[in-house]
Amino acid sequence: MILSVLSALAEPTRLGVITLLADGSEHCVCELMKTLGATQSRMSRHMQVLRHAGLVVDRRDAQWVRYRLNPQMPPETHAVLKAVLAADAAARDERNVA
C-alpha cells in the first residue's frame, strides 16, 4: 500500500492535487484542472491513480465531480502523506529563497 502511495505522490501534478486538497475542503475537478494546467483526460488519469492509492475520494454533484482527501485513510498512509507534503513545502520555500 505504501509503495502505491509513494508512487502516486511522485508525479508533480498528482502532488499538486494533494497539496490543494490538503486544505481539507472539496475541490471540483474543473478547479483542479485550471489551477494545475491539466486537460480533462490527463486529470482523470491522475485522479484514478490517487483513488487507487486510497488518497482521495470523489463525490458526484450533478455534472461536477468533487474530490477530497480520503477521510478513511489508514494512519500510516496519513503519516506518509504529511511527511511528503512537509518535505515538498520545505523544498518550495528553499527554491523561493534561492
PDB file of N, CA and C in Angstrom:
ATOM      1  N   MET A   1       0.822  -1.202   0.000  1.00  0.00           N
ATOM      2  CA  MET A   1       0.000   0.000   0.000  1.00  0.00           C
ATOM      3  C   MET A   1       0.861   1.259   0.000  1.00  0.00           C
ATOM      4  N   ILE A   2       1.872   1.307   0.858  1.00  0.00           N
ATOM      5  CA  ILE A   2       2.718   2.499   0.950  1.00  0.00           C
ATOM      6  C   ILE A   2       3.446   2.732  -0.365  1.00  0.00           C
ATOM      7  N   LEU A   3       3.848   1.650  -1.048  1.00  0.00           N
ATOM      8  CA  LEU A   3       4.526   1.807  -2.339  1.00  0.00           C
ATOM      9  C   LEU A   3       3.614   2.488  -3.353  1.00  0.00           C
ATOM     10  N   SER A   4       2.327   2.130  -3.397  1.00  0.00           N
ATOM     11  CA  SER A   4       1.411   2.778  -4.347  1.00  0.00           C
ATOM     12  C   SER A   4       1.184   4.242  -3.956  1.00  0.00           C
ATOM     13  N   VAL A   5       1.201   4.550  -2.669  1.00  0.00           N
ATOM     14  CA  VAL A   5       1.053   5.936  -2.206  1.00  0.00           C
ATOM     15  C   VAL A   5       2.256   6.762  -2.649  1.00  0.00           C
ATOM     16  N   LEU A   6       3.455   6.243  -2.404  1.00  0.00           N
ATOM     17  CA  LEU A   6       4.661   6.978  -2.793  1.00  0.00           C
ATOM     18  C   LEU A   6       4.745   7.133  -4.302  1.00  0.00           C
ATOM     19  N   SER A   7       4.377   6.095  -5.027  1.00  0.00           N
ATOM     20  CA  SER A   7       4.369   6.170  -6.487  1.00  0.00           C
ATOM     21  C   SER A   7       3.382   7.229  -6.971  1.00  0.00           C
ATOM     22  N   ALA A   8       2.201   7.272  -6.355  1.00  0.00           N
ATOM     23  CA  ALA A   8       1.192   8.269  -6.742  1.00  0.00           C
ATOM     24  C   ALA A   8       1.690   9.680  -6.460  1.00  0.00           C
ATOM     25  N   LEU A   9       2.378   9.873  -5.348  1.00  0.00           N
ATOM     26  CA  LEU A   9       2.836  11.206  -4.961  1.00  0.00           C
ATOM     27  C   LEU A   9       4.095  11.649  -5.697  1.00  0.00           C
ATOM     28  N   ALA A  10       4.741  10.728  -6.403  1.00  0.00           N
ATOM     29  CA  ALA A  10       5.992  11.057  -7.085  1.00  0.00           C
ATOM     30  C   ALA A  10       5.777  11.900  -8.344  1.00  0.00           C
ATOM     31  N   GLU A  11       4.568  11.959  -8.849  1.00  0.00           N
ATOM     32  CA  GLU A  11       4.275  12.714 -10.072  1.00  0.00           C
ATOM     33  C   GLU A  11       3.854  14.134  -9.684  1.00  0.00           C
ATOM     34  N   PRO A  12       4.468  15.169 -10.280  1.00  0.00           N
ATOM     35  CA  PRO A  12       4.210  16.556  -9.868  1.00  0.00           C
ATOM     36  C   PRO A  12       2.745  17.002  -9.914  1.00  0.00           C
ATOM     37  N   THR A  13       1.991  16.609 -10.931  1.00  0.00           N
ATOM     38  CA  THR A  13       0.585  17.021 -10.988  1.00  0.00           C
ATOM     39  C   THR A  13      -0.204  16.395  -9.857  1.00  0.00           C
ATOM     40  N   ARG A  14       0.031  15.117  -9.593  1.00  0.00           N
ATOM     41  CA  ARG A  14      -0.687  14.450  -8.508  1.00  0.00           C
ATOM     42  C   ARG A  14      -0.301  15.039  -7.155  1.00  0.00           C
ATOM     43  N   LEU A  15       0.969  15.356  -6.971  1.00  0.00           N
ATOM     44  CA  LEU A  15       1.390  16.007  -5.734  1.00  0.00           C
ATOM     45  C   LEU A  15       0.715  17.370  -5.611  1.00  0.00           C
ATOM     46  N   GLY A  16       0.572  18.067  -6.722  1.00  0.00           N
ATOM     47  CA  GLY A  16      -0.133  19.343  -6.715  1.00  0.00           C
ATOM     48  C   GLY A  16      -1.589  19.196  -6.308  1.00  0.00           C
ATOM     49  N   VAL A  17      -2.236  18.153  -6.797  1.00  0.00           N
ATOM     50  CA  VAL A  17      -3.629  17.887  -6.414  1.00  0.00           C
ATOM     51  C   VAL A  17      -3.713  17.676  -4.912  1.00  0.00           C
ATOM     52  N   ILE A  18      -2.843  16.839  -4.386  1.00  0.00           N
ATOM     53  CA  ILE A  18      -2.863  16.533  -2.954  1.00  0.00           C
ATOM     54  C   ILE A  18      -2.583  17.793  -2.138  1.00  0.00           C
ATOM     55  N   THR A  19      -1.683  18.618  -2.609  1.00  0.00           N
ATOM     56  CA  THR A  19      -1.386  19.875  -1.914  1.00  0.00           C
ATOM     57  C   THR A  19      -2.627  20.759  -1.857  1.00  0.00           C
ATOM     58  N   LEU A  20      -3.359  20.832  -2.958  1.00  0.00           N
ATOM     59  CA  LEU A  20      -4.597  21.624  -2.975  1.00  0.00           C
ATOM     60  C   LEU A  20      -5.669  21.025  -2.060  1.00  0.00           C
ATOM     61  N   LEU A  21      -5.795  19.704  -2.077  1.00  0.00           N
ATOM     62  CA  LEU A  21      -6.811  19.050  -1.261  1.00  0.00           C
ATOM     63  C   LEU A  21      -6.454  19.050   0.227  1.00  0.00           C
ATOM     64  N   ALA A  22      -5.204  19.309   0.540  1.00  0.00           N
ATOM     65  CA  ALA A  22      -4.762  19.305   1.936  1.00  0.00           C
ATOM     66  C   ALA A  22      -5.390  20.435   2.743  1.00  0.00           C
ATOM     67  N   ASP A  23      -6.075  21.358   2.076  1.00  0.00           N
ATOM     68  CA  ASP A  23      -6.761  22.419   2.829  1.00  0.00           C
ATOM     69  C   ASP A  23      -8.014  21.883   3.525  1.00  0.00           C
ATOM     70  N   GLY A  24      -8.368  20.621   3.261  1.00  0.00           N
ATOM     71  CA  GLY A  24      -9.466  19.977   3.959  1.00  0.00           C
ATOM     72  C   GLY A  24     -10.831  20.124   3.307  1.00  0.00           C
ATOM     73  N   SER A  25     -10.902  20.870   2.222  1.00  0.00           N
ATOM     74  CA  SER A  25     -12.206  21.044   1.579  1.00  0.00           C
ATOM     75  C   SER A  25     -12.279  20.230   0.291  1.00  0.00           C
ATOM     76  N   GLU A  26     -13.474  20.177  -0.276  1.00  0.00           N
ATOM     77  CA  GLU A  26     -13.679  19.515  -1.559  1.00  0.00           C
ATOM     78  C   GLU A  26     -13.320  20.484  -2.677  1.00  0.00           C
ATOM     79  N   HIS A  27     -12.791  19.923  -3.748  1.00  0.00           N
ATOM     80  CA  HIS A  27     -12.472  20.734  -4.918  1.00  0.00           C
ATOM     81  C   HIS A  27     -13.035  20.054  -6.149  1.00  0.00           C
ATOM     82  N   CYS A  28     -13.675  20.844  -6.975  1.00  0.00           N
ATOM     83  CA  CYS A  28     -14.227  20.365  -8.233  1.00  0.00           C
ATOM     84  C   CYS A  28     -13.074  20.058  -9.197  1.00  0.00           C
ATOM     85  N   VAL A  29     -13.266  19.041 -10.014  1.00  0.00           N
ATOM     86  CA  VAL A  29     -12.219  18.656 -10.956  1.00  0.00           C
ATOM     87  C   VAL A  29     -11.878  19.804 -11.899  1.00  0.00           C
ATOM     88  N   CYS A  30     -12.865  20.627 -12.246  1.00  0.00           N
ATOM     89  CA  CYS A  30     -12.595  21.759 -13.145  1.00  0.00           C
ATOM     90  C   CYS A  30     -11.639  22.757 -12.476  1.00  0.00           C
ATOM     91  N   GLU A  31     -11.778  22.954 -11.177  1.00  0.00           N
ATOM     92  CA  GLU A  31     -10.877  23.838 -10.438  1.00  0.00           C
ATOM     93  C   GLU A  31      -9.457  23.271 -10.416  1.00  0.00           C
ATOM     94  N   LEU A  32      -9.349  21.972 -10.185  1.00  0.00           N
ATOM     95  CA  LEU A  32      -8.032  21.331 -10.168  1.00  0.00           C
ATOM     96  C   LEU A  32      -7.366  21.446 -11.540  1.00  0.00           C
ATOM     97  N   MET A  33      -8.149  21.219 -12.591  1.00  0.00           N
ATOM     98  CA  MET A  33      -7.617  21.328 -13.951  1.00  0.00           C
ATOM     99  C   MET A  33      -7.074  22.723 -14.210  1.00  0.00           C
ATOM    100  N   LYS A  34      -7.856  23.730 -13.863  1.00  0.00           N
ATOM    101  CA  LYS A  34      -7.457  25.115 -14.124  1.00  0.00           C
ATOM    102  C   LYS A  34      -6.216  25.491 -13.321  1.00  0.00           C
ATOM    103  N   THR A  35      -6.215  25.165 -12.041  1.00  0.00           N
ATOM    104  CA  THR A  35      -5.103  25.524 -11.167  1.00  0.00           C
ATOM    105  C   THR A  35      -3.812  24.835 -11.591  1.00  0.00           C
ATOM    106  N   LEU A  36      -3.920  23.574 -12.003  1.00  0.00           N
ATOM    107  CA  LEU A  36      -2.722  22.793 -12.325  1.00  0.00           C
ATOM    108  C   LEU A  36      -2.398  22.774 -13.820  1.00  0.00           C
ATOM    109  N   GLY A  37      -3.241  23.390 -14.628  1.00  0.00           N
ATOM    110  CA  GLY A  37      -2.986  23.448 -16.066  1.00  0.00           C
ATOM    111  C   GLY A  37      -3.024  22.094 -16.739  1.00  0.00           C
ATOM    112  N   ALA A  38      -3.981  21.265 -16.347  1.00  0.00           N
ATOM    113  CA  ALA A  38      -4.088  19.917 -16.905  1.00  0.00           C
ATOM    114  C   ALA A  38      -5.366  19.792 -17.724  1.00  0.00           C
ATOM    115  N   THR A  39      -5.315  18.969 -18.748  1.00  0.00           N
ATOM    116  CA  THR A  39      -6.504  18.681 -19.542  1.00  0.00           C
ATOM    117  C   THR A  39      -7.416  17.737 -18.768  1.00  0.00           C
ATOM    118  N   GLN A  40      -8.657  17.624 -19.234  1.00  0.00           N
ATOM    119  CA  GLN A  40      -9.615  16.753 -18.560  1.00  0.00           C
ATOM    120  C   GLN A  40      -9.156  15.301 -18.583  1.00  0.00           C
ATOM    121  N   SER A  41      -8.674  14.825 -19.719  1.00  0.00           N
ATOM    122  CA  SER A  41      -8.257  13.423 -19.811  1.00  0.00           C
ATOM    123  C   SER A  41      -7.034  13.153 -18.930  1.00  0.00           C
ATOM    124  N   ARG A  42      -6.099  14.079 -18.921  1.00  0.00           N
ATOM    125  CA  ARG A  42      -4.909  13.923 -18.074  1.00  0.00           C
ATOM    126  C   ARG A  42      -5.300  13.937 -16.595  1.00  0.00           C
ATOM    127  N   MET A  43      -6.189  14.853 -16.216  1.00  0.00           N
ATOM    128  CA  MET A  43      -6.606  14.940 -14.828  1.00  0.00           C
ATOM    129  C   MET A  43      -7.355  13.675 -14.415  1.00  0.00           C
ATOM    130  N   SER A  44      -8.173  13.133 -15.303  1.00  0.00           N
ATOM    131  CA  SER A  44      -8.901  11.897 -14.998  1.00  0.00           C
ATOM    132  C   SER A  44      -7.941  10.754 -14.694  1.00  0.00           C
ATOM    133  N   ARG A  45      -6.891  10.633 -15.491  1.00  0.00           N
ATOM    134  CA  ARG A  45      -5.887   9.577 -15.246  1.00  0.00           C
ATOM    135  C   ARG A  45      -5.202   9.782 -13.905  1.00  0.00           C
ATOM    136  N   HIS A  46      -4.837  11.024 -13.602  1.00  0.00           N
ATOM    137  CA  HIS A  46      -4.169  11.307 -12.329  1.00  0.00           C
ATOM    138  C   HIS A  46      -5.091  11.003 -11.147  1.00  0.00           C
ATOM    139  N   MET A  47      -6.358  11.381 -11.273  1.00  0.00           N
ATOM    140  CA  MET A  47      -7.282  11.155 -10.167  1.00  0.00           C
ATOM    141  C   MET A  47      -7.537   9.661  -9.964  1.00  0.00           C
ATOM    142  N   GLN A  48      -7.526   8.908 -11.035  1.00  0.00           N
ATOM    143  CA  GLN A  48      -7.691   7.458 -10.933  1.00  0.00           C
ATOM    144  C   GLN A  48      -6.531   6.856 -10.129  1.00  0.00           C
ATOM    145  N   VAL A  49      -5.323   7.314 -10.383  1.00  0.00           N
ATOM    146  CA  VAL A  49      -4.153   6.825  -9.642  1.00  0.00           C
ATOM    147  C   VAL A  49      -4.281   7.183  -8.161  1.00  0.00           C
ATOM    148  N   LEU A  50      -4.695   8.420  -7.877  1.00  0.00           N
ATOM    149  CA  LEU A  50      -4.835   8.856  -6.483  1.00  0.00           C
ATOM    150  C   LEU A  50      -5.949   8.094  -5.764  1.00  0.00           C
ATOM    151  N   ARG A  51      -7.049   7.802  -6.471  1.00  0.00           N
ATOM    152  CA  ARG A  51      -8.124   6.996  -5.874  1.00  0.00           C
ATOM    153  C   ARG A  51      -7.645   5.576  -5.599  1.00  0.00           C
ATOM    154  N   HIS A  52      -6.956   4.998  -6.571  1.00  0.00           N
ATOM    155  CA  HIS A  52      -6.460   3.628  -6.429  1.00  0.00           C
ATOM    156  C   HIS A  52      -5.493   3.518  -5.255  1.00  0.00           C
ATOM    157  N   ALA A  53      -4.706   4.554  -5.011  1.00  0.00           N
ATOM    158  CA  ALA A  53      -3.752   4.558  -3.889  1.00  0.00           C
ATOM    159  C   ALA A  53      -4.464   4.821  -2.559  1.00  0.00           C
ATOM    160  N   GLY A  54      -5.753   5.143  -2.607  1.00  0.00           N
ATOM    161  CA  GLY A  54      -6.516   5.375  -1.390  1.00  0.00           C
ATOM    162  C   GLY A  54      -6.342   6.762  -0.804  1.00  0.00           C
ATOM    163  N   LEU A  55      -5.825   7.692  -1.607  1.00  0.00           N
ATOM    164  CA  LEU A  55      -5.553   9.038  -1.105  1.00  0.00           C
ATOM    165  C   LEU A  55      -6.739   9.983  -1.225  1.00  0.00           C
ATOM    166  N   VAL A  56      -7.583   9.785  -2.219  1.00  0.00           N
ATOM    167  CA  VAL A  56      -8.713  10.690  -2.432  1.00  0.00           C
ATOM    168  C   VAL A  56     -10.001   9.904  -2.624  1.00  0.00           C
ATOM    169  N   VAL A  57     -11.099  10.587  -2.373  1.00  0.00           N
ATOM    170  CA  VAL A  57     -12.436  10.066  -2.679  1.00  0.00           C
ATOM    171  C   VAL A  57     -13.145  11.124  -3.506  1.00  0.00           C
ATOM    172  N   ASP A  58     -14.129  10.678  -4.265  1.00  0.00           N
ATOM    173  CA  ASP A  58     -14.876  11.625  -5.099  1.00  0.00           C
ATOM    174  C   ASP A  58     -16.357  11.565  -4.780  1.00  0.00           C
ATOM    175  N   ARG A  59     -17.029  12.629  -5.166  1.00  0.00           N
ATOM    176  CA  ARG A  59     -18.471  12.732  -4.976  1.00  0.00           C
ATOM    177  C   ARG A  59     -19.046  13.436  -6.193  1.00  0.00           C
ATOM    178  N   ARG A  60     -20.075  12.821  -6.762  1.00  0.00           N
ATOM    179  CA  ARG A  60     -20.767  13.443  -7.897  1.00  0.00           C
ATOM    180  C   ARG A  60     -21.745  14.480  -7.373  1.00  0.00           C
ATOM    181  N   ASP A  61     -21.739  15.627  -8.048  1.00  0.00           N
ATOM    182  CA  ASP A  61     -22.650  16.719  -7.711  1.00  0.00           C
ATOM    183  C   ASP A  61     -23.197  17.234  -9.033  1.00  0.00           C
ATOM    184  N   ALA A  62     -24.320  16.639  -9.457  1.00  0.00           N
ATOM    185  CA  ALA A  62     -24.885  16.904 -10.789  1.00  0.00           C
ATOM    186  C   ALA A  62     -23.839  16.534 -11.837  1.00  0.00           C
ATOM    187  N   GLN A  63     -23.407  17.497 -12.665  1.00  0.00           N
ATOM    188  CA  GLN A  63     -22.423  17.186 -13.702  1.00  0.00           C
ATOM    189  C   GLN A  63     -20.991  17.319 -13.198  1.00  0.00           C
ATOM    190  N   TRP A  64     -20.807  17.787 -11.975  1.00  0.00           N
ATOM    191  CA  TRP A  64     -19.470  18.008 -11.417  1.00  0.00           C
ATOM    192  C   TRP A  64     -19.000  16.803 -10.606  1.00  0.00           C
ATOM    193  N   VAL A  65     -17.698  16.629 -10.562  1.00  0.00           N
ATOM    194  CA  VAL A  65     -17.089  15.644  -9.678  1.00  0.00           C
ATOM    195  C   VAL A  65     -16.216  16.419  -8.711  1.00  0.00           C
ATOM    196  N   ARG A  66     -16.441  16.180  -7.437  1.00  0.00           N
ATOM    197  CA  ARG A  66     -15.683  16.878  -6.396  1.00  0.00           C
ATOM    198  C   ARG A  66     -14.811  15.869  -5.661  1.00  0.00           C
ATOM    199  N   TYR A  67     -13.583  16.298  -5.369  1.00  0.00           N
ATOM    200  CA  TYR A  67     -12.614  15.428  -4.714  1.00  0.00           C
ATOM    201  C   TYR A  67     -12.212  16.008  -3.366  1.00  0.00           C
ATOM    202  N   ARG A  68     -11.843  15.100  -2.471  1.00  0.00           N
ATOM    203  CA  ARG A  68     -11.268  15.479  -1.182  1.00  0.00           C
ATOM    204  C   ARG A  68     -10.335  14.367  -0.735  1.00  0.00           C
ATOM    205  N   LEU A  69      -9.506  14.673   0.247  1.00  0.00           N
ATOM    206  CA  LEU A  69      -8.657  13.631   0.800  1.00  0.00           C
ATOM    207  C   LEU A  69      -9.537  12.558   1.424  1.00  0.00           C
ATOM    208  N   ASN A  70      -9.090  11.346   1.355  1.00  0.00           N
ATOM    209  CA  ASN A  70      -9.840  10.219   1.885  1.00  0.00           C
ATOM    210  C   ASN A  70      -9.875  10.284   3.415  1.00  0.00           C
ATOM    211  N   PRO A  71     -11.053  10.503   4.010  1.00  0.00           N
ATOM    212  CA  PRO A  71     -11.121  10.572   5.470  1.00  0.00           C
ATOM    213  C   PRO A  71     -10.907   9.215   6.138  1.00  0.00           C
ATOM    214  N   GLN A  72     -10.991   8.133   5.375  1.00  0.00           N
ATOM    215  CA  GLN A  72     -10.788   6.775   5.885  1.00  0.00           C
ATOM    216  C   GLN A  72      -9.348   6.295   5.677  1.00  0.00           C
ATOM    217  N   MET A  73      -8.442   7.222   5.343  1.00  0.00           N
ATOM    218  CA  MET A  73      -7.057   6.892   5.075  1.00  0.00           C
ATOM    219  C   MET A  73      -6.416   6.241   6.317  1.00  0.00           C
ATOM    220  N   PRO A  74      -5.726   5.109   6.144  1.00  0.00           N
ATOM    221  CA  PRO A  74      -5.061   4.481   7.294  1.00  0.00           C
ATOM    222  C   PRO A  74      -4.029   5.438   7.920  1.00  0.00           C
ATOM    223  N   PRO A  75      -3.821   5.339   9.218  1.00  0.00           N
ATOM    224  CA  PRO A  75      -2.890   6.248   9.901  1.00  0.00           C
ATOM    225  C   PRO A  75      -1.489   6.263   9.303  1.00  0.00           C
ATOM    226  N   GLU A  76      -0.992   5.098   8.898  1.00  0.00           N
ATOM    227  CA  GLU A  76       0.363   5.063   8.328  1.00  0.00           C
ATOM    228  C   GLU A  76       0.416   5.776   6.983  1.00  0.00           C
ATOM    229  N   THR A  77      -0.653   5.684   6.203  1.00  0.00           N
ATOM    230  CA  THR A  77      -0.723   6.405   4.930  1.00  0.00           C
ATOM    231  C   THR A  77      -0.803   7.901   5.187  1.00  0.00           C
ATOM    232  N   HIS A  78      -1.588   8.287   6.166  1.00  0.00           N
ATOM    233  CA  HIS A  78      -1.703   9.706   6.523  1.00  0.00           C
ATOM    234  C   HIS A  78      -0.350  10.249   6.985  1.00  0.00           C
ATOM    235  N   ALA A  79       0.400   9.466   7.732  1.00  0.00           N
ATOM    236  CA  ALA A  79       1.722   9.900   8.199  1.00  0.00           C
ATOM    237  C   ALA A  79       2.676  10.111   7.019  1.00  0.00           C
ATOM    238  N   VAL A  80       2.641   9.194   6.054  1.00  0.00           N
ATOM    239  CA  VAL A  80       3.484   9.339   4.857  1.00  0.00           C
ATOM    240  C   VAL A  80       3.063  10.584   4.088  1.00  0.00           C
ATOM    241  N   LEU A  81       1.770  10.790   3.934  1.00  0.00           N
ATOM    242  CA  LEU A  81       1.265  11.951   3.209  1.00  0.00           C
ATOM    243  C   LEU A  81       1.715  13.251   3.876  1.00  0.00           C
ATOM    244  N   LYS A  82       1.585  13.334   5.193  1.00  0.00           N
ATOM    245  CA  LYS A  82       2.022  14.527   5.912  1.00  0.00           C
ATOM    246  C   LYS A  82       3.519  14.779   5.723  1.00  0.00           C
ATOM    247  N   ALA A  83       4.319  13.723   5.768  1.00  0.00           N
ATOM    248  CA  ALA A  83       5.762  13.865   5.599  1.00  0.00           C
ATOM    249  C   ALA A  83       6.116  14.350   4.193  1.00  0.00           C
ATOM    250  N   VAL A  84       5.457  13.797   3.189  1.00  0.00           N
ATOM    251  CA  VAL A  84       5.712  14.214   1.802  1.00  0.00           C
ATOM    252  C   VAL A  84       5.301  15.669   1.598  1.00  0.00           C
ATOM    253  N   LEU A  85       4.149  16.045   2.115  1.00  0.00           N
ATOM    254  CA  LEU A  85       3.696  17.434   1.973  1.00  0.00           C
ATOM    255  C   LEU A  85       4.639  18.402   2.684  1.00  0.00           C
ATOM    256  N   ALA A  86       5.110  18.033   3.856  1.00  0.00           N
ATOM    257  CA  ALA A  86       6.049  18.889   4.590  1.00  0.00           C
ATOM    258  C   ALA A  86       7.367  19.023   3.837  1.00  0.00           C
ATOM    259  N   ALA A  87       7.872  17.930   3.295  1.00  0.00           N
ATOM    260  CA  ALA A  87       9.122  17.968   2.534  1.00  0.00           C
ATOM    261  C   ALA A  87       8.961  18.802   1.266  1.00  0.00           C
ATOM    262  N   ASP A  88       7.821  18.665   0.598  1.00  0.00           N
ATOM    263  CA  ASP A  88       7.575  19.448  -0.616  1.00  0.00           C
ATOM    264  C   ASP A  88       7.476  20.935  -0.291  1.00  0.00           C
ATOM    265  N   ALA A  89       6.795  21.276   0.793  1.00  0.00           N
ATOM    266  CA  ALA A  89       6.680  22.684   1.193  1.00  0.00           C
ATOM    267  C   ALA A  89       8.056  23.258   1.529  1.00  0.00           C
ATOM    268  N   ALA A  90       8.888  22.493   2.223  1.00  0.00           N
ATOM    269  CA  ALA A  90      10.235  22.958   2.562  1.00  0.00           C
ATOM    270  C   ALA A  90      11.068  23.162   1.304  1.00  0.00           C
ATOM    271  N   ALA A  91      10.940  22.251   0.343  1.00  0.00           N
ATOM    272  CA  ALA A  91      11.692  22.380  -0.911  1.00  0.00           C
ATOM    273  C   ALA A  91      11.232  23.614  -1.687  1.00  0.00           C
ATOM    274  N   ARG A  92       9.918  23.874  -1.709  1.00  0.00           N
ATOM    275  CA  ARG A  92       9.414  25.069  -2.392  1.00  0.00           C
ATOM    276  C   ARG A  92       9.906  26.336  -1.705  1.00  0.00           C
ATOM    277  N   ASP A  93       9.899  26.343  -0.380  1.00  0.00           N
ATOM    278  CA  ASP A  93      10.398  27.505   0.368  1.00  0.00           C
ATOM    279  C   ASP A  93      11.870  27.749   0.066  1.00  0.00           C
ATOM    280  N   GLU A  94      12.622  26.677  -0.008  1.00  0.00           N
ATOM    281  CA  GLU A  94      14.060  26.785  -0.278  1.00  0.00           C
ATOM    282  C   GLU A  94      14.297  27.354  -1.681  1.00  0.00           C
ATOM    283  N   ARG A  95      13.502  26.898  -2.653  1.00  0.00           N
ATOM    284  CA  ARG A  95      13.634  27.406  -4.022  1.00  0.00           C
ATOM    285  C   ARG A  95      13.286  28.886  -4.091  1.00  0.00           C
ATOM    286  N   ASN A  96      12.297  29.304  -3.309  1.00  0.00           N
ATOM    287  CA  ASN A  96      11.877  30.702  -3.324  1.00  0.00           C
ATOM    288  C   ASN A  96      12.898  31.614  -2.669  1.00  0.00           C
ATOM    289  N   VAL A  97      13.690  31.088  -1.742  1.00  0.00           N
ATOM    290  CA  VAL A  97      14.715  31.887  -1.063  1.00  0.00           C
ATOM    291  C   VAL A  97      15.946  32.023  -1.953  1.00  0.00           C
ATOM    292  N   ALA A  98      16.258  30.987  -2.681  1.00  0.00           N
ATOM    293  CA  ALA A  98      17.483  30.971  -3.515  1.00  0.00           C
ATOM    294  C   ALA A  98      17.390  31.914  -4.700  1.00  0.00           C
TER     295      ALA A  98
END
